[in-house]
N, C-alpha and C. Protein backbone atom coordinates (compact mmCIF):
# COMPACT_ATOMS: atom_id res chain seq x y z
N MET A 1 -3.84 36.29 -122.79
CA MET A 1 -4.83 36.80 -121.75
C MET A 1 -6.21 36.70 -122.51
N LYS A 2 -7.23 36.39 -121.84
CA LYS A 2 -8.47 36.15 -122.31
C LYS A 2 -9.34 37.46 -122.30
N ILE A 3 -9.74 37.90 -123.45
CA ILE A 3 -10.57 39.31 -123.61
C ILE A 3 -11.96 39.07 -123.99
N GLY A 4 -12.48 38.01 -124.23
CA GLY A 4 -13.94 37.82 -124.46
C GLY A 4 -14.31 36.40 -124.67
N GLU A 5 -15.70 36.19 -124.42
CA GLU A 5 -16.11 34.90 -124.84
C GLU A 5 -17.46 35.02 -125.28
N GLY A 6 -17.84 34.14 -126.13
CA GLY A 6 -19.20 34.13 -126.79
C GLY A 6 -19.62 32.68 -126.81
N GLY A 7 -20.79 32.47 -127.65
CA GLY A 7 -21.29 31.20 -127.79
C GLY A 7 -20.57 30.41 -128.78
N PHE A 8 -19.74 31.05 -129.65
CA PHE A 8 -18.83 30.34 -130.54
C PHE A 8 -17.40 30.07 -130.17
N GLY A 9 -17.10 30.55 -129.11
CA GLY A 9 -15.66 30.30 -128.44
C GLY A 9 -15.21 31.48 -127.62
N THR A 10 -13.87 31.45 -127.36
CA THR A 10 -13.09 32.32 -126.70
C THR A 10 -12.13 33.20 -127.36
N VAL A 11 -11.97 34.41 -127.12
CA VAL A 11 -11.10 35.35 -127.78
C VAL A 11 -9.88 35.71 -126.83
N TYR A 12 -8.72 35.65 -127.20
CA TYR A 12 -7.51 35.74 -126.49
C TYR A 12 -6.81 36.81 -127.07
N ARG A 13 -6.11 37.82 -126.20
CA ARG A 13 -5.03 38.67 -126.87
C ARG A 13 -3.63 38.15 -126.63
N ALA A 14 -3.00 38.24 -127.67
CA ALA A 14 -1.57 37.73 -127.89
C ALA A 14 -0.56 38.50 -128.50
N LEU A 15 0.70 38.46 -128.16
CA LEU A 15 1.67 39.21 -128.44
C LEU A 15 2.82 38.19 -129.26
N LEU A 16 2.82 38.51 -130.58
CA LEU A 16 3.75 37.93 -131.52
C LEU A 16 5.31 38.29 -131.05
N PRO A 17 6.18 37.44 -131.58
CA PRO A 17 7.48 37.70 -131.34
C PRO A 17 8.11 39.08 -131.79
N GLY A 18 7.43 39.65 -132.67
CA GLY A 18 7.99 40.91 -133.24
C GLY A 18 7.28 42.16 -132.50
N GLY A 19 6.56 41.81 -131.66
CA GLY A 19 5.83 42.87 -130.67
C GLY A 19 4.43 43.14 -131.23
N GLN A 20 3.81 42.53 -132.26
CA GLN A 20 2.50 42.84 -132.82
C GLN A 20 1.53 42.25 -131.88
N VAL A 21 0.53 42.96 -131.50
CA VAL A 21 -0.55 42.50 -130.71
C VAL A 21 -1.71 42.04 -131.61
N VAL A 22 -2.19 40.71 -131.54
CA VAL A 22 -3.36 40.12 -132.23
C VAL A 22 -4.22 39.44 -131.36
N ALA A 23 -5.31 39.25 -132.00
CA ALA A 23 -6.51 38.51 -131.24
C ALA A 23 -6.76 37.23 -131.84
N ILE A 24 -6.80 36.19 -131.20
CA ILE A 24 -6.81 34.84 -131.51
C ILE A 24 -8.13 34.30 -130.83
N LYS A 25 -8.97 33.64 -131.81
CA LYS A 25 -10.13 33.17 -131.46
C LYS A 25 -10.11 31.57 -131.36
N ARG A 26 -10.32 31.04 -130.37
CA ARG A 26 -10.43 29.47 -130.21
C ARG A 26 -11.82 29.19 -130.33
N ALA A 27 -12.27 28.65 -131.33
CA ALA A 27 -13.63 28.42 -131.60
C ALA A 27 -14.02 26.99 -131.03
N LYS A 28 -15.18 27.07 -130.64
CA LYS A 28 -15.83 25.62 -130.12
C LYS A 28 -15.93 24.81 -131.28
N LYS A 29 -16.10 23.35 -130.99
CA LYS A 29 -16.11 22.41 -132.17
C LYS A 29 -17.46 22.70 -132.76
N ALA A 30 -17.64 22.30 -134.10
CA ALA A 30 -18.87 22.47 -134.82
C ALA A 30 -19.96 21.96 -134.22
N GLY A 31 -19.85 20.72 -133.52
CA GLY A 31 -21.09 20.01 -132.81
C GLY A 31 -21.57 20.89 -131.81
N GLU A 32 -20.58 21.71 -131.13
CA GLU A 32 -20.94 22.40 -129.87
C GLU A 32 -21.54 23.71 -130.49
N GLN A 33 -21.27 24.31 -131.49
CA GLN A 33 -21.70 25.63 -131.73
C GLN A 33 -22.77 25.56 -132.70
N GLY A 34 -22.76 24.55 -133.68
CA GLY A 34 -23.60 24.63 -134.91
C GLY A 34 -22.92 25.43 -136.07
N ARG A 35 -23.66 26.12 -136.96
CA ARG A 35 -22.92 26.81 -138.03
C ARG A 35 -22.88 28.32 -137.43
N SER A 36 -21.87 28.97 -138.00
CA SER A 36 -21.60 30.30 -137.57
C SER A 36 -21.94 31.33 -138.61
N PRO A 37 -22.43 32.50 -138.22
CA PRO A 37 -22.56 33.65 -139.15
C PRO A 37 -21.19 34.30 -139.49
N VAL A 38 -21.04 34.73 -140.74
CA VAL A 38 -19.98 35.19 -141.08
C VAL A 38 -20.00 36.80 -141.86
N LEU A 39 -19.03 37.54 -141.46
CA LEU A 39 -19.17 38.99 -141.89
C LEU A 39 -17.80 39.02 -142.77
N ILE A 40 -17.96 39.48 -143.97
CA ILE A 40 -16.79 39.68 -144.84
C ILE A 40 -16.65 41.29 -144.71
N LEU A 41 -15.39 41.61 -144.38
CA LEU A 41 -14.84 43.03 -144.30
C LEU A 41 -14.03 43.35 -145.57
N SER A 42 -14.75 44.21 -146.25
CA SER A 42 -13.78 44.71 -147.60
C SER A 42 -13.40 46.08 -147.30
N ILE A 43 -12.20 46.37 -146.75
CA ILE A 43 -11.75 47.47 -146.17
C ILE A 43 -10.53 47.90 -146.76
N ASN A 44 -10.16 49.06 -147.22
CA ASN A 44 -9.36 49.50 -148.09
C ASN A 44 -7.82 49.06 -147.52
N GLU A 45 -7.55 49.15 -146.30
CA GLU A 45 -6.07 48.80 -145.80
C GLU A 45 -6.33 47.66 -144.73
N SER A 46 -5.36 46.89 -144.62
CA SER A 46 -5.32 45.63 -143.83
C SER A 46 -5.32 46.25 -142.33
N ASN A 47 -4.54 47.24 -141.99
CA ASN A 47 -4.41 47.67 -140.59
C ASN A 47 -5.68 48.12 -139.97
N HIS A 48 -6.80 48.73 -141.01
CA HIS A 48 -8.07 49.16 -140.58
C HIS A 48 -8.96 48.02 -140.29
N GLN A 49 -8.82 46.78 -140.79
CA GLN A 49 -9.40 45.66 -140.66
C GLN A 49 -9.44 44.96 -139.32
N ARG A 50 -8.50 45.15 -138.68
CA ARG A 50 -8.15 44.43 -137.53
C ARG A 50 -9.09 44.83 -136.20
N LYS A 51 -9.47 46.04 -136.19
CA LYS A 51 -10.48 46.33 -135.02
C LYS A 51 -11.65 45.75 -135.25
N PRO A 52 -12.31 46.08 -136.43
CA PRO A 52 -13.62 45.55 -136.60
C PRO A 52 -13.75 43.98 -136.55
N ALA A 53 -12.74 43.38 -137.24
CA ALA A 53 -12.62 41.87 -137.10
C ALA A 53 -12.69 41.32 -135.92
N ILE A 54 -11.77 42.04 -134.89
CA ILE A 54 -11.87 41.54 -133.60
C ILE A 54 -12.95 41.64 -132.98
N ALA A 55 -13.70 42.79 -133.09
CA ALA A 55 -15.11 43.12 -132.49
C ALA A 55 -16.04 42.16 -132.80
N TYR A 56 -16.13 41.80 -134.08
CA TYR A 56 -17.28 40.84 -134.63
C TYR A 56 -16.96 39.46 -134.18
N ALA A 57 -15.67 39.05 -134.21
CA ALA A 57 -15.22 37.91 -133.77
C ALA A 57 -15.51 37.54 -132.27
N SER A 58 -15.38 38.55 -131.54
CA SER A 58 -15.69 38.55 -130.03
C SER A 58 -17.24 38.42 -129.78
N ARG A 59 -17.99 38.68 -130.80
CA ARG A 59 -19.55 38.53 -130.73
C ARG A 59 -20.04 37.29 -131.24
N GLY A 60 -19.27 36.31 -131.72
CA GLY A 60 -19.57 35.04 -132.28
C GLY A 60 -19.47 34.88 -133.80
N TYR A 61 -19.19 36.07 -134.38
CA TYR A 61 -19.23 35.91 -136.00
C TYR A 61 -17.65 35.34 -136.35
N ILE A 62 -17.73 34.88 -137.62
CA ILE A 62 -16.59 34.60 -138.27
C ILE A 62 -16.24 35.82 -139.00
N ALA A 63 -15.21 36.35 -138.75
CA ALA A 63 -14.87 37.66 -139.61
C ALA A 63 -13.73 37.29 -140.56
N ALA A 64 -14.07 37.62 -141.97
CA ALA A 64 -13.04 37.26 -143.15
C ALA A 64 -12.71 38.83 -143.67
N ALA A 65 -11.53 39.12 -143.36
CA ALA A 65 -11.00 40.47 -144.02
C ALA A 65 -10.32 40.04 -145.23
N ILE A 66 -10.51 40.94 -146.30
CA ILE A 66 -9.97 40.74 -147.56
C ILE A 66 -9.47 41.99 -148.17
N ASP A 67 -8.25 42.02 -148.42
CA ASP A 67 -7.50 43.15 -149.27
C ASP A 67 -8.07 43.52 -150.46
N SER A 68 -8.28 44.90 -150.91
CA SER A 68 -8.73 45.12 -152.29
C SER A 68 -7.46 44.78 -153.13
N ARG A 69 -7.74 44.65 -154.54
CA ARG A 69 -6.51 44.40 -155.26
C ARG A 69 -5.73 45.65 -155.38
N TYR A 70 -4.42 45.27 -155.34
CA TYR A 70 -3.23 46.25 -155.44
C TYR A 70 -3.13 47.10 -154.08
N HIS A 71 -3.74 46.33 -153.06
CA HIS A 71 -3.71 46.93 -151.56
C HIS A 71 -3.23 45.91 -150.64
N GLY A 72 -2.80 46.37 -149.50
CA GLY A 72 -2.41 45.33 -148.60
C GLY A 72 -1.45 44.27 -149.03
N GLU A 73 -1.72 43.06 -148.85
CA GLU A 73 -0.89 42.06 -149.26
C GLU A 73 -0.92 41.73 -150.67
N HIS A 74 -1.92 42.37 -151.37
CA HIS A 74 -2.05 42.23 -152.93
C HIS A 74 -1.12 43.21 -153.53
N ALA A 75 -0.53 44.11 -152.75
CA ALA A 75 0.36 45.21 -153.54
C ALA A 75 1.89 44.68 -153.40
N SER A 76 2.41 44.68 -154.57
CA SER A 76 3.83 44.34 -154.56
C SER A 76 4.71 45.42 -154.27
N SER A 77 4.30 46.79 -154.25
CA SER A 77 5.14 47.85 -153.97
C SER A 77 4.04 48.87 -153.70
N MET A 78 4.72 50.09 -153.40
CA MET A 78 4.07 51.18 -152.81
C MET A 78 3.30 51.80 -153.97
N THR A 79 3.68 51.62 -155.30
CA THR A 79 3.12 52.34 -156.39
C THR A 79 2.15 51.33 -157.13
N THR A 80 1.97 50.22 -156.74
CA THR A 80 1.23 49.21 -157.44
C THR A 80 -0.27 49.64 -157.80
N TYR A 81 -0.90 50.40 -156.94
CA TYR A 81 -2.42 50.80 -157.33
C TYR A 81 -2.26 51.92 -158.20
N ARG A 82 -1.30 52.92 -158.04
CA ARG A 82 -1.17 54.00 -159.13
C ARG A 82 -0.77 53.33 -160.48
N ASP A 83 0.10 52.44 -160.49
CA ASP A 83 0.58 51.92 -161.78
C ASP A 83 -0.66 51.33 -162.49
N ALA A 84 -1.46 50.56 -161.65
CA ALA A 84 -2.77 49.87 -162.25
C ALA A 84 -3.57 50.84 -162.80
N LEU A 85 -3.91 52.03 -162.09
CA LEU A 85 -4.54 53.08 -162.59
C LEU A 85 -4.03 53.75 -163.95
N ILE A 86 -2.93 53.84 -163.99
CA ILE A 86 -2.16 54.37 -165.28
C ILE A 86 -2.34 53.48 -166.30
N SER A 87 -2.02 52.26 -166.08
CA SER A 87 -2.33 51.27 -167.19
C SER A 87 -3.64 51.14 -167.70
N SER A 88 -4.59 51.14 -166.84
CA SER A 88 -6.09 51.19 -167.27
C SER A 88 -6.31 52.29 -168.06
N TRP A 89 -5.75 53.28 -167.62
CA TRP A 89 -6.22 54.56 -168.48
C TRP A 89 -5.59 54.56 -169.73
N LYS A 90 -4.24 54.18 -169.93
CA LYS A 90 -3.52 54.00 -171.21
C LYS A 90 -4.35 53.02 -172.14
N GLN A 91 -4.71 51.95 -171.47
CA GLN A 91 -5.37 50.94 -172.49
C GLN A 91 -6.82 51.14 -172.64
N GLY A 92 -7.44 52.19 -171.91
CA GLY A 92 -8.87 52.34 -172.25
C GLY A 92 -9.67 51.40 -171.53
N ASP A 93 -9.13 50.73 -170.40
CA ASP A 93 -9.91 49.74 -169.60
C ASP A 93 -10.90 50.79 -168.69
N THR A 94 -11.81 50.30 -168.13
CA THR A 94 -12.70 50.70 -167.16
C THR A 94 -12.32 50.23 -165.72
N MET A 95 -11.30 50.51 -165.19
CA MET A 95 -10.90 49.91 -163.92
C MET A 95 -11.09 48.53 -163.68
N PRO A 96 -10.71 47.67 -164.70
CA PRO A 96 -10.81 46.20 -164.39
C PRO A 96 -10.44 45.51 -163.22
N PHE A 97 -9.34 46.28 -162.55
CA PHE A 97 -9.17 45.74 -161.16
C PHE A 97 -10.16 45.67 -160.12
N ILE A 98 -11.24 46.45 -160.25
CA ILE A 98 -12.30 46.79 -159.41
C ILE A 98 -13.12 45.38 -159.62
N PHE A 99 -13.29 45.21 -160.86
CA PHE A 99 -14.04 43.91 -161.16
C PHE A 99 -13.25 42.61 -160.77
N ASP A 100 -11.94 42.55 -160.80
CA ASP A 100 -11.26 41.55 -160.20
C ASP A 100 -11.57 41.41 -158.80
N MET A 101 -11.82 42.54 -158.23
CA MET A 101 -11.94 42.42 -156.54
C MET A 101 -13.33 41.95 -156.27
N VAL A 102 -14.15 42.28 -157.24
CA VAL A 102 -15.68 41.56 -156.92
C VAL A 102 -15.49 40.17 -157.29
N TRP A 103 -14.69 39.79 -158.31
CA TRP A 103 -14.51 38.22 -158.56
C TRP A 103 -13.93 37.67 -157.28
N ASP A 104 -12.75 38.30 -156.67
CA ASP A 104 -12.37 37.71 -155.41
C ASP A 104 -13.38 37.48 -154.41
N LEU A 105 -14.27 38.63 -154.19
CA LEU A 105 -15.19 38.37 -153.18
C LEU A 105 -16.32 37.39 -153.42
N ILE A 106 -16.64 37.04 -154.74
CA ILE A 106 -17.68 35.97 -155.09
C ILE A 106 -17.01 34.68 -154.82
N LYS A 107 -15.75 34.58 -155.18
CA LYS A 107 -15.00 33.40 -154.84
C LYS A 107 -14.82 32.96 -153.40
N LEU A 108 -14.56 34.01 -152.59
CA LEU A 108 -14.67 33.87 -151.10
C LEU A 108 -15.99 33.42 -150.64
N ALA A 109 -16.93 34.00 -151.10
CA ALA A 109 -18.35 33.64 -150.73
C ALA A 109 -18.70 32.23 -151.07
N ASP A 110 -18.20 31.85 -152.38
CA ASP A 110 -18.32 30.33 -152.78
C ASP A 110 -17.61 29.45 -151.72
N TYR A 111 -16.49 29.77 -151.39
CA TYR A 111 -15.52 28.92 -150.43
C TYR A 111 -16.37 28.76 -149.23
N LEU A 112 -16.91 30.03 -148.56
CA LEU A 112 -17.44 29.88 -147.29
C LEU A 112 -18.66 29.12 -147.34
N THR A 113 -19.42 29.22 -148.34
CA THR A 113 -20.63 28.45 -148.33
C THR A 113 -20.34 26.90 -148.33
N GLN A 114 -19.21 26.59 -148.71
CA GLN A 114 -18.78 25.11 -148.68
C GLN A 114 -18.34 24.57 -147.48
N ARG A 115 -18.14 25.48 -146.39
CA ARG A 115 -17.48 25.05 -145.00
C ARG A 115 -18.58 24.34 -144.18
N GLU A 116 -18.47 23.44 -143.29
CA GLU A 116 -19.37 22.81 -142.64
C GLU A 116 -19.68 23.83 -141.35
N ASP A 117 -18.62 24.69 -140.94
CA ASP A 117 -18.98 25.50 -139.79
C ASP A 117 -19.64 26.89 -140.17
N ILE A 118 -19.96 27.11 -141.41
CA ILE A 118 -20.45 28.29 -141.84
C ILE A 118 -22.04 28.05 -142.04
N ASP A 119 -22.80 28.98 -141.63
CA ASP A 119 -24.27 28.97 -142.07
C ASP A 119 -24.36 29.80 -143.33
N PRO A 120 -24.68 29.23 -144.58
CA PRO A 120 -24.52 29.92 -145.83
C PRO A 120 -25.77 30.85 -145.87
N SER A 121 -26.75 30.86 -145.05
CA SER A 121 -27.74 31.90 -145.09
C SER A 121 -27.48 33.01 -144.25
N LYS A 122 -26.29 33.31 -143.53
CA LYS A 122 -26.06 34.34 -142.85
C LYS A 122 -24.52 34.69 -143.05
N ILE A 123 -24.24 35.10 -144.24
CA ILE A 123 -22.98 35.69 -144.94
C ILE A 123 -23.27 37.29 -145.17
N GLY A 124 -22.55 37.98 -144.52
CA GLY A 124 -22.85 39.52 -144.67
C GLY A 124 -21.38 40.10 -145.23
N ILE A 125 -21.78 41.26 -145.75
CA ILE A 125 -20.46 41.91 -146.20
C ILE A 125 -20.53 43.39 -146.01
N THR A 126 -19.46 44.13 -145.60
CA THR A 126 -19.41 45.50 -145.40
C THR A 126 -18.12 46.01 -146.02
N GLY A 127 -18.07 47.39 -146.33
CA GLY A 127 -16.92 47.90 -146.89
C GLY A 127 -16.92 49.26 -146.67
N GLU A 128 -15.81 49.93 -146.66
CA GLU A 128 -15.57 51.39 -146.51
C GLU A 128 -14.45 51.62 -147.65
N SER A 129 -14.57 53.12 -147.91
CA SER A 129 -13.55 53.45 -148.82
C SER A 129 -13.63 52.56 -150.23
N LEU A 130 -12.43 52.19 -150.56
CA LEU A 130 -12.29 51.48 -151.85
C LEU A 130 -13.30 50.10 -151.70
N GLY A 131 -13.20 49.54 -150.57
CA GLY A 131 -14.21 48.31 -150.30
C GLY A 131 -15.53 48.72 -150.41
N GLY A 132 -15.86 49.82 -150.25
CA GLY A 132 -17.37 50.41 -150.51
C GLY A 132 -17.62 50.24 -152.06
N TRP A 133 -16.60 50.67 -152.85
CA TRP A 133 -16.77 50.51 -154.19
C TRP A 133 -17.12 49.26 -154.61
N ASN A 134 -16.37 48.12 -154.05
CA ASN A 134 -16.63 46.84 -154.51
C ASN A 134 -18.12 46.26 -154.16
N LEU A 135 -18.69 46.74 -153.15
CA LEU A 135 -19.93 46.49 -152.89
C LEU A 135 -20.97 46.98 -153.81
N GLU A 136 -20.69 48.27 -154.19
CA GLU A 136 -21.50 48.64 -155.20
C GLU A 136 -21.56 48.05 -156.58
N GLU A 137 -20.34 47.56 -156.86
CA GLU A 137 -20.23 46.78 -158.30
C GLU A 137 -20.97 45.50 -158.26
N GLN A 138 -21.07 45.04 -156.98
CA GLN A 138 -21.79 43.61 -156.82
C GLN A 138 -23.29 43.88 -157.02
N ASN A 139 -23.81 44.97 -156.75
CA ASN A 139 -25.31 45.09 -156.87
C ASN A 139 -25.92 45.15 -158.23
């Protein structure tokens, strides 16, 4: 079912076999749309990234959502984040996983600037909760 359309393509609502509802954006070819702006979403949990990603994609942005280290798909268990905090405290490190996440964001930006469908002068980033910490570390 079509739920939106913009200068960069059409957004459809789809239902996966497991019952999960997703948005799929069918982008126009690069020659038809030029280079697109990107918004990187650095939000604490994957399930909170979906609505903002869909909203920005429906307005012509490419939305790139990234999980913080030890969260979402980066977590191997429910205690991964807690275990990282305890390990950091015991070793006297100053939350190295935060800096690892900043590194992940830098590498994502490097990747995006190399793509022909991305306008490298129009890459934005926003975050909340732990994702907001990552933004502060980059400044």
